[in-house]
Protein backbone atom coordinates (compact mmCIF):
# COMPACT_ATOMS: atom_id res chain seq x y z
CA GLN A 1 75.82 106.17 113.50
CA VAL A 2 76.66 102.96 111.42
CA ARG A 3 78.90 100.46 112.36
CA LEU A 4 80.51 97.62 110.53
CA VAL A 5 82.39 94.89 112.13
CA GLU A 6 84.33 92.27 110.21
CA SER A 7 85.42 89.14 111.50
CA GLY A 8 86.28 85.29 110.59
CA GLY A 9 89.67 86.36 108.74
CA GLY A 10 92.86 84.33 109.76
CA LEU A 11 95.49 82.20 108.32
CA VAL A 12 94.29 79.03 106.03
CA GLN A 13 96.12 76.95 103.87
CA ALA A 14 95.49 76.82 99.77
CA GLY A 15 92.51 74.47 99.06
CA GLY A 16 91.19 75.54 102.47
CA SER A 17 87.74 77.87 103.72
CA LEU A 18 87.15 80.33 105.75
CA ARG A 19 83.73 82.19 106.41
CA LEU A 20 83.53 86.19 106.48
CA SER A 21 81.03 88.05 108.77
CA CYS A 22 79.96 91.61 108.50
CA ALA A 23 77.61 92.61 111.46
CA ALA A 24 75.87 96.10 111.31
CA SER A 25 74.86 98.19 114.31
CA GLY A 26 73.31 101.55 114.66
CA ARG A 27 70.90 101.14 112.31
CA THR A 28 69.39 98.30 110.12
CA LEU A 29 71.03 97.88 106.42
CA SER A 30 68.37 95.53 105.34
CA SER A 31 67.39 98.19 102.54
CA ASN A 32 71.19 98.89 101.59
CA THR A 33 73.31 96.67 99.22
CA MET A 34 76.24 95.16 100.87
CA GLY A 35 79.29 94.37 99.26
CA TRP A 36 83.11 92.76 99.85
CA PHE A 37 86.36 93.90 98.70
CA ARG A 38 89.77 93.33 99.45
CA GLN A 39 93.19 94.90 99.25
CA ALA A 40 96.79 93.51 99.18
CA PRO A 41 99.57 95.41 100.03
CA GLY A 42 100.54 97.38 97.22
CA LYS A 43 97.48 97.17 95.13
CA GLU A 44 94.27 98.93 94.45
CA ARG A 45 91.06 97.97 96.67
CA GLU A 46 89.35 95.21 94.25
CA PHE A 47 85.83 94.15 94.38
CA VAL A 48 84.91 90.53 95.73
CA ALA A 49 80.94 90.06 96.17
CA ALA A 50 78.23 92.23 96.35
CA ILE A 51 74.29 91.28 97.51
CA SER A 52 70.95 93.20 96.85
CA TRP A 53 69.22 94.18 100.11
CA SER A 54 66.60 90.98 99.21
CA GLY A 55 69.39 88.21 98.88
CA GLY A 56 67.93 87.93 95.75
CA ARG A 57 70.84 89.40 93.35
CA THR A 58 74.69 88.54 93.90
CA TYR A 59 77.33 89.86 91.97
CA TYR A 60 81.18 88.12 92.01
CA GLY A 61 84.54 89.54 91.12
CA ASP A 62 85.82 87.22 88.09
CA SER A 63 89.05 86.15 90.00
CA VAL A 64 86.44 84.57 92.81
CA LYS A 65 83.34 83.54 90.88
CA GLY A 66 82.69 80.23 91.59
CA ARG A 67 84.68 79.90 94.67
CA PHE A 68 82.99 82.56 97.23
CA THR A 69 79.52 83.08 97.94
CA MET A 70 77.60 85.88 99.61
CA SER A 71 74.53 85.41 101.83
CA ARG A 72 72.72 87.91 104.31
CA ASP A 73 70.70 87.69 107.22
CA ASN A 74 68.56 90.78 107.45
CA ALA A 75 67.20 89.68 110.61
CA LYS A 76 70.72 89.74 112.17
CA ASN A 77 72.08 92.70 110.19
CA THR A 78 74.86 90.87 109.01
CA VAL A 79 76.20 89.75 105.63
CA TYR A 80 78.62 86.86 105.10
CA LEU A 81 81.19 85.87 102.69
CA GLN A 82 82.00 82.12 102.25
CA MET A 83 85.59 81.23 100.73
CA ASN A 84 86.12 77.91 99.28
CA VAL A 85 89.38 76.64 97.61
CA LEU A 86 91.41 79.44 98.77
CA LYS A 87 93.87 80.56 97.13
CA PRO A 88 97.46 82.67 98.10
CA GLU A 89 96.34 85.08 95.45
CA ASP A 90 93.10 85.70 97.99
CA THR A 91 95.72 87.06 100.67
CA ALA A 92 94.56 90.31 101.19
CA VAL A 93 92.77 92.93 104.06
CA TYR A 94 88.44 91.99 103.45
CA TYR A 95 86.53 94.81 103.78
CA CYS A 96 82.64 94.98 103.93
CA ALA A 97 80.78 97.73 102.56
CA ALA A 98 77.35 99.30 102.53
CA SER A 99 75.80 101.39 99.51
CA LEU A 100 72.03 102.56 98.65
CA VAL A 101 72.77 100.95 94.82
CA GLU A 102 73.67 97.78 93.09
CA THR A 103 76.85 98.08 92.20
CA THR A 104 80.56 96.97 92.06
CA SER A 105 82.15 100.05 92.02
CA PRO A 106 83.70 100.75 95.86
CA HIS A 107 82.93 104.63 95.42
CA ALA A 108 79.69 104.10 95.83
CA TYR A 109 80.19 102.48 99.06
CA TYR A 110 79.56 104.95 101.84
CA TYR A 111 79.70 102.87 105.08
CA TRP A 112 83.08 100.81 105.37
CA GLY A 113 84.36 97.89 108.32
CA GLN A 114 88.11 98.37 109.55
CA GLY A 115 88.62 94.93 107.81
CA THR A 116 89.95 91.67 109.05
CA GLN A 117 93.38 90.02 107.62
CA VAL A 118 92.92 86.43 105.57
CA THR A 119 96.02 84.97 104.68
CA VAL A 120 96.39 82.17 102.71
CA SER A 121 99.83 79.88 102.44
CA SER A 122 100.82 77.55 99.47
């Protein structure tokens, strides 16, 4: 059974940075596309970033392009999301997920973590 555990969330002031991690256990996910999504209260789940199995291709949501960077370390079975120049509108629960296809659609992701809260104060 695959388990994804996010960490690194917290409270930060606008303009600050956070680095999220997502560690997988149960089996290797080195052949999976990995994604980050977020969900704010009262809003739908939103695509944030995705990375191909090799790490050679990355995809970003329009609202985070140029500020967030996703990476992965397959040897550690871990993916990361470096978040810079954070804004209050980035406040949400952030989830990592695994998919067999390169996609930004949450419906194609079948393993999900429990989420980590990111709060950006103004």
